[in-house]
Amino acid sequence: AKPYQLIFLHYLPALRDMFGFLFFSGLPGVVMTTALFSYLGI
C-alpha cells in the first residue's frame, strides 16, 4: 500500500470519531474566545 492509500483506507476512517470529538469539544472554547475578542473591541 502507498502512503496516500494508508491515509484514506486506515487513518481517516479510524480518526472519524476523533474529528467529531475535537470539533464539538473545541466549540465552547472558541465561543468564549470570540466573545472575549468582541469585548476587547475586535
All heavy atoms as atom14 arrays in JSON, in Angstrom:
{
  "sequence": "AKPYQLIFLHYLPALRDMFGFLFFSGLPGVVMTTALFSYLGI",
  "atom14_mask": [
    [1, 1, 1, 1, 1, 0, 0, 0, 0, 0, 0, 0, 0, 0],
    [1, 1, 1, 1, 1, 1, 1, 1, 1, 0, 0, 0, 0, 0],
    [1, 1, 1, 1, 1, 1, 1, 0, 0, 0, 0, 0, 0, 0],
    [1, 1, 1, 1, 1, 1, 1, 1, 1, 1, 1, 1, 0, 0],
    [1, 1, 1, 1, 1, 1, 1, 1, 1, 0, 0, 0, 0, 0],
    [1, 1, 1, 1, 1, 1, 1, 1, 0, 0, 0, 0, 0, 0],
    [1, 1, 1, 1, 1, 1, 1, 1, 0, 0, 0, 0, 0, 0],
    [1, 1, 1, 1, 1, 1, 1, 1, 1, 1, 1, 0, 0, 0],
    [1, 1, 1, 1, 1, 1, 1, 1, 0, 0, 0, 0, 0, 0],
    [1, 1, 1, 1, 1, 1, 1, 1, 1, 1, 0, 0, 0, 0],
    [1, 1, 1, 1, 1, 1, 1, 1, 1, 1, 1, 1, 0, 0],
    [1, 1, 1, 1, 1, 1, 1, 1, 0, 0, 0, 0, 0, 0],
    [1, 1, 1, 1, 1, 1, 1, 0, 0, 0, 0, 0, 0, 0],
    [1, 1, 1, 1, 1, 0, 0, 0, 0, 0, 0, 0, 0, 0],
    [1, 1, 1, 1, 1, 1, 1, 1, 0, 0, 0, 0, 0, 0],
    [1, 1, 1, 1, 1, 1, 1, 1, 1, 1, 1, 0, 0, 0],
    [1, 1, 1, 1, 1, 1, 1, 1, 0, 0, 0, 0, 0, 0],
    [1, 1, 1, 1, 1, 1, 1, 1, 0, 0, 0, 0, 0, 0],
    [1, 1, 1, 1, 1, 1, 1, 1, 1, 1, 1, 0, 0, 0],
    [1, 1, 1, 1, 0, 0, 0, 0, 0, 0, 0, 0, 0, 0],
    [1, 1, 1, 1, 1, 1, 1, 1, 1, 1, 1, 0, 0, 0],
    [1, 1, 1, 1, 1, 1, 1, 1, 0, 0, 0, 0, 0, 0],
    [1, 1, 1, 1, 1, 1, 1, 1, 1, 1, 1, 0, 0, 0],
    [1, 1, 1, 1, 1, 1, 1, 1, 1, 1, 1, 0, 0, 0],
    [1, 1, 1, 1, 1, 1, 0, 0, 0, 0, 0, 0, 0, 0],
    [1, 1, 1, 1, 0, 0, 0, 0, 0, 0, 0, 0, 0, 0],
    [1, 1, 1, 1, 1, 1, 1, 1, 0, 0, 0, 0, 0, 0],
    [1, 1, 1, 1, 1, 1, 1, 0, 0, 0, 0, 0, 0, 0],
    [1, 1, 1, 1, 0, 0, 0, 0, 0, 0, 0, 0, 0, 0],
    [1, 1, 1, 1, 1, 1, 1, 0, 0, 0, 0, 0, 0, 0],
    [1, 1, 1, 1, 1, 1, 1, 0, 0, 0, 0, 0, 0, 0],
    [1, 1, 1, 1, 1, 1, 1, 1, 0, 0, 0, 0, 0, 0],
    [1, 1, 1, 1, 1, 1, 1, 0, 0, 0, 0, 0, 0, 0],
    [1, 1, 1, 1, 1, 1, 1, 0, 0, 0, 0, 0, 0, 0],
    [1, 1, 1, 1, 1, 0, 0, 0, 0, 0, 0, 0, 0, 0],
    [1, 1, 1, 1, 1, 1, 1, 1, 0, 0, 0, 0, 0, 0],
    [1, 1, 1, 1, 1, 1, 1, 1, 1, 1, 1, 0, 0, 0],
    [1, 1, 1, 1, 1, 1, 0, 0, 0, 0, 0, 0, 0, 0],
    [1, 1, 1, 1, 1, 1, 1, 1, 1, 1, 1, 1, 0, 0],
    [1, 1, 1, 1, 1, 1, 1, 1, 0, 0, 0, 0, 0, 0],
    [1, 1, 1, 1, 0, 0, 0, 0, 0, 0, 0, 0, 0, 0],
    [1, 1, 1, 1, 1, 1, 1, 1, 0, 0, 0, 0, 0, 0]
  ],
  "atom14_positions": [
    [[0.83, -1.2, 0.0], [0.0, 0.0, 0.0], [0.87, 1.26, 0.0], [1.91, 1.31, 0.65], [-0.92, 0.0, 1.22], [0.0, 0.0, 0.0], [0.0, 0.0, 0.0], [0.0, 0.0, 0.0], [0.0, 0.0, 0.0], [0.0, 0.0, 0.0], [0.0, 0.0, 0.0], [0.0, 0.0, 0.0], [0.0, 0.0, 0.0], [0.0, 0.0, 0.0]],
    [[0.43, 2.27, -0.74], [1.13, 3.55, -0.81], [0.74, 4.42, 0.39], [-0.3, 4.21, 1.01], [0.78, 4.27, -2.11], [1.07, 3.46, -3.37], [2.56, 3.22, -3.54], [2.84, 2.47, -4.84], [4.29, 2.18, -5.01], [0.0, 0.0, 0.0], [0.0, 0.0, 0.0], [0.0, 0.0, 0.0], [0.0, 0.0, 0.0], [0.0, 0.0, 0.0]],
    [[1.55, 5.43, 0.73], [1.24, 6.3, 1.86], [-0.14, 6.95, 1.76], [-0.87, 7.01, 2.75], [2.37, 7.34, 1.83], [3.51, 6.62, 1.21], [2.9, 5.71, 0.17], [0.0, 0.0, 0.0], [0.0, 0.0, 0.0], [0.0, 0.0, 0.0], [0.0, 0.0, 0.0], [0.0, 0.0, 0.0], [0.0, 0.0, 0.0], [0.0, 0.0, 0.0]],
    [[-0.49, 7.48, 0.57], [-1.79, 8.13, 0.44], [-2.94, 7.13, 0.59], [-4.02, 7.47, 1.06], [-1.89, 8.86, -0.9], [-1.98, 7.98, -2.12], [-3.22, 7.54, -2.6], [-0.84, 7.57, -2.81], [-3.31, 6.73, -3.73], [-0.92, 6.76, -3.92], [-2.15, 6.34, -4.38], [-2.24, 5.53, -5.49], [0.0, 0.0, 0.0], [0.0, 0.0, 0.0]],
    [[-2.69, 5.87, 0.18], [-3.71, 4.83, 0.37], [-3.92, 4.53, 1.85], [-5.04, 4.28, 2.29], [-3.31, 3.57, -0.39], [-3.31, 3.72, -1.9], [-2.78, 2.49, -2.63], [-1.86, 1.83, -2.13], [-3.35, 2.21, -3.79], [0.0, 0.0, 0.0], [0.0, 0.0, 0.0], [0.0, 0.0, 0.0], [0.0, 0.0, 0.0], [0.0, 0.0, 0.0]],
    [[-2.84, 4.56, 2.61], [-2.97, 4.33, 4.05], [-3.82, 5.42, 4.7], [-4.61, 5.15, 5.61], [-1.58, 4.3, 4.69], [-0.65, 3.16, 4.29], [0.69, 3.32, 4.97], [-1.27, 1.81, 4.62], [0.0, 0.0, 0.0], [0.0, 0.0, 0.0], [0.0, 0.0, 0.0], [0.0, 0.0, 0.0], [0.0, 0.0, 0.0], [0.0, 0.0, 0.0]],
    [[-3.66, 6.65, 4.23], [-4.44, 7.76, 4.8], [-5.93, 7.54, 4.58], [-6.74, 7.65, 5.51], [-3.99, 9.1, 4.19], [-2.58, 9.44, 4.66], [-4.96, 10.21, 4.57], [-2.03, 10.72, 4.07], [0.0, 0.0, 0.0], [0.0, 0.0, 0.0], [0.0, 0.0, 0.0], [0.0, 0.0, 0.0], [0.0, 0.0, 0.0], [0.0, 0.0, 0.0]],
    [[-6.3, 7.2, 3.33], [-7.72, 7.08, 3.01], [-8.33, 5.77, 3.5], [-9.52, 5.72, 3.83], [-7.92, 7.21, 1.49], [-7.71, 8.6, 0.98], [-6.55, 8.94, 0.29], [-8.65, 9.59, 1.19], [-6.35, 10.23, -0.18], [-8.46, 10.87, 0.72], [-7.3, 11.2, 0.04], [0.0, 0.0, 0.0], [0.0, 0.0, 0.0], [0.0, 0.0, 0.0]],
    [[-7.54, 4.72, 3.56], [-8.08, 3.41, 3.94], [-8.01, 3.14, 5.43], [-8.83, 2.37, 5.95], [-7.33, 2.3, 3.19], [-7.49, 2.28, 1.66], [-6.65, 1.17, 1.06], [-8.96, 2.08, 1.29], [0.0, 0.0, 0.0], [0.0, 0.0, 0.0], [0.0, 0.0, 0.0], [0.0, 0.0, 0.0], [0.0, 0.0, 0.0], [0.0, 0.0, 0.0]],
    [[-7.06, 3.76, 6.12], [-6.86, 3.43, 7.53], [-6.98, 4.65, 8.45], [-7.77, 4.63, 9.4], [-5.5, 2.76, 7.73], [-5.4, 1.4, 7.11], [-5.93, 0.28, 7.69], [-4.83, 1.0, 5.94], [-5.7, -0.77, 6.92], [-5.04, -0.36, 5.84], [0.0, 0.0, 0.0], [0.0, 0.0, 0.0], [0.0, 0.0, 0.0], [0.0, 0.0, 0.0]],
    [[-6.18, 5.68, 8.16], [-6.11, 6.78, 9.11], [-7.41, 7.59, 9.19], [-7.93, 7.83, 10.3], [-4.95, 7.7, 8.75], [-3.6, 7.09, 9.04], [-2.78, 6.61, 8.02], [-3.15, 6.97, 10.35], [-1.54, 6.04, 8.29], [-1.92, 6.39, 10.63], [-1.12, 5.93, 9.6], [0.11, 5.35, 9.88], [0.0, 0.0, 0.0], [0.0, 0.0, 0.0]],
    [[-7.94, 8.01, 8.06], [-9.15, 8.83, 8.08], [-10.35, 8.09, 8.69], [-11.05, 8.66, 9.53], [-9.48, 9.34, 6.68], [-8.57, 10.47, 6.16], [-8.97, 10.85, 4.74], [-8.65, 11.69, 7.08], [0.0, 0.0, 0.0], [0.0, 0.0, 0.0], [0.0, 0.0, 0.0], [0.0, 0.0, 0.0], [0.0, 0.0, 0.0], [0.0, 0.0, 0.0]],
    [[-10.62, 6.83, 8.31], [-11.73, 6.12, 8.96], [-11.53, 5.97, 10.47], [-12.47, 6.11, 11.25], [-11.75, 4.76, 8.26], [-11.14, 5.01, 6.92], [-10.07, 6.04, 7.18], [0.0, 0.0, 0.0], [0.0, 0.0, 0.0], [0.0, 0.0, 0.0], [0.0, 0.0, 0.0], [0.0, 0.0, 0.0], [0.0, 0.0, 0.0], [0.0, 0.0, 0.0]],
    [[-10.29, 5.68, 10.88], [-10.03, 5.49, 12.31], [-10.1, 6.8, 13.09], [-10.37, 6.8, 14.29], [-8.67, 4.84, 12.51], [0.0, 0.0, 0.0], [0.0, 0.0, 0.0], [0.0, 0.0, 0.0], [0.0, 0.0, 0.0], [0.0, 0.0, 0.0], [0.0, 0.0, 0.0], [0.0, 0.0, 0.0], [0.0, 0.0, 0.0], [0.0, 0.0, 0.0]],
    [[-9.86, 7.92, 12.4], [-9.87, 9.22, 13.07], [-11.23, 9.9, 13.02], [-11.38, 11.01, 13.55], [-8.84, 10.14, 12.41], [-7.37, 9.81, 12.67], [-6.48, 10.66, 11.78], [-7.02, 10.03, 14.13], [0.0, 0.0, 0.0], [0.0, 0.0, 0.0], [0.0, 0.0, 0.0], [0.0, 0.0, 0.0], [0.0, 0.0, 0.0], [0.0, 0.0, 0.0]],
    [[-12.22, 9.28, 12.42], [-13.53, 9.92, 12.26], [-14.13, 10.35, 13.6], [-14.57, 11.49, 13.77], [-14.49, 8.98, 11.53], [-15.87, 9.59, 11.25], [-16.75, 8.58, 10.55], [-16.88, 7.35, 11.34], [-17.53, 6.26, 10.92], [-18.05, 6.24, 9.7], [-17.62, 5.2, 11.7], [0.0, 0.0, 0.0], [0.0, 0.0, 0.0], [0.0, 0.0, 0.0]],
    [[-14.15, 9.44, 14.56], [-14.7, 9.77, 15.87], [-13.86, 10.83, 16.58], [-14.39, 11.69, 17.29], [-14.79, 8.52, 16.75], [-15.84, 7.54, 16.24], [-16.74, 7.97, 15.5], [-15.75, 6.35, 16.59], [0.0, 0.0, 0.0], [0.0, 0.0, 0.0], [0.0, 0.0, 0.0], [0.0, 0.0, 0.0], [0.0, 0.0, 0.0], [0.0, 0.0, 0.0]],
    [[-12.54, 10.77, 16.37], [-11.67, 11.77, 16.98], [-11.93, 13.15, 16.4], [-11.93, 14.16, 17.13], [-10.2, 11.38, 16.77], [-9.2, 12.36, 17.37], [-9.36, 12.52, 19.16], [-8.8, 10.89, 19.67], [0.0, 0.0, 0.0], [0.0, 0.0, 0.0], [0.0, 0.0, 0.0], [0.0, 0.0, 0.0], [0.0, 0.0, 0.0], [0.0, 0.0, 0.0]],
    [[-12.18, 13.23, 15.09], [-12.52, 14.52, 14.47], [-13.79, 15.09, 15.1], [-13.87, 16.28, 15.4], [-12.72, 14.36, 12.97], [-11.44, 14.14, 12.2], [-11.41, 13.29, 11.11], [-10.28, 14.78, 12.57], [-10.24, 13.08, 10.4], [-9.1, 14.58, 11.86], [-9.09, 13.73, 10.77], [0.0, 0.0, 0.0], [0.0, 0.0, 0.0], [0.0, 0.0, 0.0]],
    [[-14.8, 14.22, 15.27], [-16.05, 14.67, 15.88], [-15.84, 15.16, 17.3], [-16.39, 16.2, 17.7], [0.0, 0.0, 0.0], [0.0, 0.0, 0.0], [0.0, 0.0, 0.0], [0.0, 0.0, 0.0], [0.0, 0.0, 0.0], [0.0, 0.0, 0.0], [0.0, 0.0, 0.0], [0.0, 0.0, 0.0], [0.0, 0.0, 0.0], [0.0, 0.0, 0.0]],
    [[-15.05, 14.43, 18.07], [-14.78, 14.83, 19.45], [-14.06, 16.17, 19.5], [-14.42, 17.06, 20.27], [-13.95, 13.76, 20.15], [-13.42, 14.19, 21.49], [-14.25, 14.22, 22.59], [-12.1, 14.58, 21.63], [-13.78, 14.64, 23.83], [-11.61, 14.99, 22.86], [-12.46, 15.01, 23.96], [0.0, 0.0, 0.0], [0.0, 0.0, 0.0], [0.0, 0.0, 0.0]],
    [[-13.02, 16.33, 18.67], [-12.26, 17.58, 18.67], [-13.14, 18.75, 18.23], [-13.0, 19.87, 18.76], [-11.05, 17.47, 17.75], [-9.91, 16.57, 18.23], [-8.84, 16.44, 17.14], [-9.31, 17.11, 19.52], [0.0, 0.0, 0.0], [0.0, 0.0, 0.0], [0.0, 0.0, 0.0], [0.0, 0.0, 0.0], [0.0, 0.0, 0.0], [0.0, 0.0, 0.0]],
    [[-14.02, 18.51, 17.27], [-14.88, 19.59, 16.79], [-15.82, 20.08, 17.89], [-15.85, 21.27, 18.22], [-15.69, 19.1, 15.58], [-16.67, 20.11, 15.06], [-16.23, 21.21, 14.34], [-18.03, 19.96, 15.28], [-17.13, 22.15, 13.87], [-18.94, 20.89, 14.8], [-18.49, 21.99, 14.09], [0.0, 0.0, 0.0], [0.0, 0.0, 0.0], [0.0, 0.0, 0.0]],
    [[-16.57, 19.16, 18.49], [-17.56, 19.57, 19.48], [-16.92, 20.01, 20.79], [-17.41, 20.94, 21.44], [-18.56, 18.44, 19.72], [-19.52, 18.23, 18.59], [-19.46, 17.08, 17.82], [-20.46, 19.18, 18.28], [-20.33, 16.88, 16.77], [-21.34, 19.0, 17.22], [-21.28, 17.85, 16.46], [0.0, 0.0, 0.0], [0.0, 0.0, 0.0], [0.0, 0.0, 0.0]],
    [[-15.83, 19.36, 21.18], [-15.19, 19.75, 22.44], [-14.53, 21.12, 22.35], [-14.37, 21.81, 23.37], [-14.14, 18.7, 22.85], [-13.09, 18.64, 21.91], [0.0, 0.0, 0.0], [0.0, 0.0, 0.0], [0.0, 0.0, 0.0], [0.0, 0.0, 0.0], [0.0, 0.0, 0.0], [0.0, 0.0, 0.0], [0.0, 0.0, 0.0], [0.0, 0.0, 0.0]],
    [[-14.15, 21.52, 21.13], [-13.49, 22.81, 20.97], [-14.43, 23.98, 20.74], [-14.03, 25.14, 20.95], [0.0, 0.0, 0.0], [0.0, 0.0, 0.0], [0.0, 0.0, 0.0], [0.0, 0.0, 0.0], [0.0, 0.0, 0.0], [0.0, 0.0, 0.0], [0.0, 0.0, 0.0], [0.0, 0.0, 0.0], [0.0, 0.0, 0.0], [0.0, 0.0, 0.0]],
    [[-15.66, 23.72, 20.34], [-16.58, 24.81, 20.02], [-16.87, 25.73, 21.21], [-16.85, 26.96, 21.04], [-17.9, 24.25, 19.47], [-17.87, 23.78, 18.01], [-19.22, 23.21, 17.62], [-17.5, 24.92, 17.08], [0.0, 0.0, 0.0], [0.0, 0.0, 0.0], [0.0, 0.0, 0.0], [0.0, 0.0, 0.0], [0.0, 0.0, 0.0], [0.0, 0.0, 0.0]],
    [[-17.16, 25.21, 22.41], [-17.4, 26.14, 23.54], [-16.24, 27.08, 23.81], [-16.43, 28.26, 24.08], [-17.65, 25.19, 24.72], [-18.15, 23.93, 24.1], [-17.39, 23.81, 22.81], [0.0, 0.0, 0.0], [0.0, 0.0, 0.0], [0.0, 0.0, 0.0], [0.0, 0.0, 0.0], [0.0, 0.0, 0.0], [0.0, 0.0, 0.0], [0.0, 0.0, 0.0]],
    [[-15.02, 26.56, 23.72], [-13.85, 27.41, 23.93], [-13.73, 28.48, 22.87], [-13.35, 29.63, 23.16], [0.0, 0.0, 0.0], [0.0, 0.0, 0.0], [0.0, 0.0, 0.0], [0.0, 0.0, 0.0], [0.0, 0.0, 0.0], [0.0, 0.0, 0.0], [0.0, 0.0, 0.0], [0.0, 0.0, 0.0], [0.0, 0.0, 0.0], [0.0, 0.0, 0.0]],
    [[-14.05, 28.14, 21.62], [-13.98, 29.13, 20.54], [-15.06, 30.2, 20.73], [-14.84, 31.37, 20.44], [-14.12, 28.44, 19.17], [-14.06, 29.47, 18.05], [-13.03, 27.41, 18.97], [0.0, 0.0, 0.0], [0.0, 0.0, 0.0], [0.0, 0.0, 0.0], [0.0, 0.0, 0.0], [0.0, 0.0, 0.0], [0.0, 0.0, 0.0], [0.0, 0.0, 0.0]],
    [[-16.23, 29.79, 21.23], [-17.29, 30.77, 21.52], [-16.81, 31.77, 22.55], [-16.98, 32.99, 22.4], [-18.56, 30.05, 22.01], [-19.57, 31.07, 22.55], [-19.2, 29.25, 20.88], [0.0, 0.0, 0.0], [0.0, 0.0, 0.0], [0.0, 0.0, 0.0], [0.0, 0.0, 0.0], [0.0, 0.0, 0.0], [0.0, 0.0, 0.0], [0.0, 0.0, 0.0]],
    [[-16.19, 31.28, 23.63], [-15.71, 32.18, 24.67], [-14.58, 33.08, 24.16], [-14.52, 34.26, 24.5], [-15.23, 31.36, 25.87], [-16.33, 30.59, 26.58], [-17.67, 31.64, 27.17], [-16.81, 32.68, 28.35], [0.0, 0.0, 0.0], [0.0, 0.0, 0.0], [0.0, 0.0, 0.0], [0.0, 0.0, 0.0], [0.0, 0.0, 0.0], [0.0, 0.0, 0.0]],
    [[-13.69, 32.51, 23.34], [-12.61, 33.31, 22.76], [-13.17, 34.41, 21.87], [-12.72, 35.57, 21.92], [-11.66, 32.42, 21.95], [-11.1, 31.42, 22.8], [-10.54, 33.24, 21.33], [0.0, 0.0, 0.0], [0.0, 0.0, 0.0], [0.0, 0.0, 0.0], [0.0, 0.0, 0.0], [0.0, 0.0, 0.0], [0.0, 0.0, 0.0], [0.0, 0.0, 0.0]],
    [[-14.15, 34.07, 21.06], [-14.77, 35.04, 20.17], [-15.47, 36.15, 20.96], [-15.36, 37.33, 20.63], [-15.79, 34.35, 19.25], [-15.14, 33.32, 18.51], [-16.41, 35.34, 18.29], [0.0, 0.0, 0.0], [0.0, 0.0, 0.0], [0.0, 0.0, 0.0], [0.0, 0.0, 0.0], [0.0, 0.0, 0.0], [0.0, 0.0, 0.0], [0.0, 0.0, 0.0]],
    [[-16.17, 35.75, 22.02], [-16.85, 36.74, 22.86], [-15.84, 37.67, 23.52], [-16.06, 38.89, 23.63], [-17.69, 36.04, 23.92], [0.0, 0.0, 0.0], [0.0, 0.0, 0.0], [0.0, 0.0, 0.0], [0.0, 0.0, 0.0], [0.0, 0.0, 0.0], [0.0, 0.0, 0.0], [0.0, 0.0, 0.0], [0.0, 0.0, 0.0], [0.0, 0.0, 0.0]],
    [[-14.71, 37.14, 23.96], [-13.67, 37.95, 24.58], [-13.05, 38.91, 23.57], [-12.81, 40.09, 23.88], [-12.6, 37.06, 25.19], [-11.46, 37.76, 25.96], [-12.04, 38.63, 27.07], [-10.5, 36.74, 26.54], [0.0, 0.0, 0.0], [0.0, 0.0, 0.0], [0.0, 0.0, 0.0], [0.0, 0.0, 0.0], [0.0, 0.0, 0.0], [0.0, 0.0, 0.0]],
    [[-12.78, 38.42, 22.36], [-12.27, 39.3, 21.3], [-13.24, 40.47, 21.07], [-12.84, 41.62, 20.97], [-12.1, 38.52, 20.0], [-10.89, 37.64, 19.98], [-10.75, 36.66, 19.0], [-9.89, 37.77, 20.92], [-9.64, 35.84, 18.97], [-8.78, 36.95, 20.9], [-8.65, 35.98, 19.92], [0.0, 0.0, 0.0], [0.0, 0.0, 0.0], [0.0, 0.0, 0.0]],
    [[-14.52, 40.12, 20.97], [-15.53, 41.14, 20.72], [-15.6, 42.14, 21.86], [-15.75, 43.34, 21.65], [-16.9, 40.47, 20.53], [-17.91, 41.42, 20.3], [0.0, 0.0, 0.0], [0.0, 0.0, 0.0], [0.0, 0.0, 0.0], [0.0, 0.0, 0.0], [0.0, 0.0, 0.0], [0.0, 0.0, 0.0], [0.0, 0.0, 0.0], [0.0, 0.0, 0.0]],
    [[-15.47, 41.65, 23.1], [-15.48, 42.53, 24.28], [-14.32, 43.52, 24.23], [-14.46, 44.68, 24.65], [-15.42, 41.69, 25.54], [-15.52, 42.48, 26.82], [-16.77, 42.78, 27.38], [-14.38, 42.94, 27.48], [-16.87, 43.52, 28.55], [-14.47, 43.68, 28.64], [-15.72, 43.96, 29.18], [-15.81, 44.7, 30.34], [0.0, 0.0, 0.0], [0.0, 0.0, 0.0]],
    [[-13.18, 43.06, 23.73], [-12.0, 43.91, 23.64], [-12.03, 44.85, 22.45], [-11.09, 45.63, 22.24], [-10.74, 43.04, 23.57], [-10.45, 42.19, 24.82], [-9.27, 41.27, 24.57], [-10.2, 43.07, 26.03], [0.0, 0.0, 0.0], [0.0, 0.0, 0.0], [0.0, 0.0, 0.0], [0.0, 0.0, 0.0], [0.0, 0.0, 0.0], [0.0, 0.0, 0.0]],
    [[-13.08, 44.77, 21.63], [-13.23, 45.68, 20.51], [-12.78, 45.14, 19.17], [-12.75, 45.87, 18.19], [0.0, 0.0, 0.0], [0.0, 0.0, 0.0], [0.0, 0.0, 0.0], [0.0, 0.0, 0.0], [0.0, 0.0, 0.0], [0.0, 0.0, 0.0], [0.0, 0.0, 0.0], [0.0, 0.0, 0.0], [0.0, 0.0, 0.0], [0.0, 0.0, 0.0]],
    [[-12.43, 43.86, 19.12], [-12.02, 43.24, 17.86], [-13.27, 42.83, 17.08], [-14.2, 42.24, 17.63], [-11.14, 42.01, 18.13], [-9.86, 42.43, 18.86], [-10.79, 41.29, 16.83], [-9.04, 41.29, 19.36], [0.0, 0.0, 0.0], [0.0, 0.0, 0.0], [0.0, 0.0, 0.0], [0.0, 0.0, 0.0], [0.0, 0.0, 0.0], [0.0, 0.0, 0.0]]
  ]
}
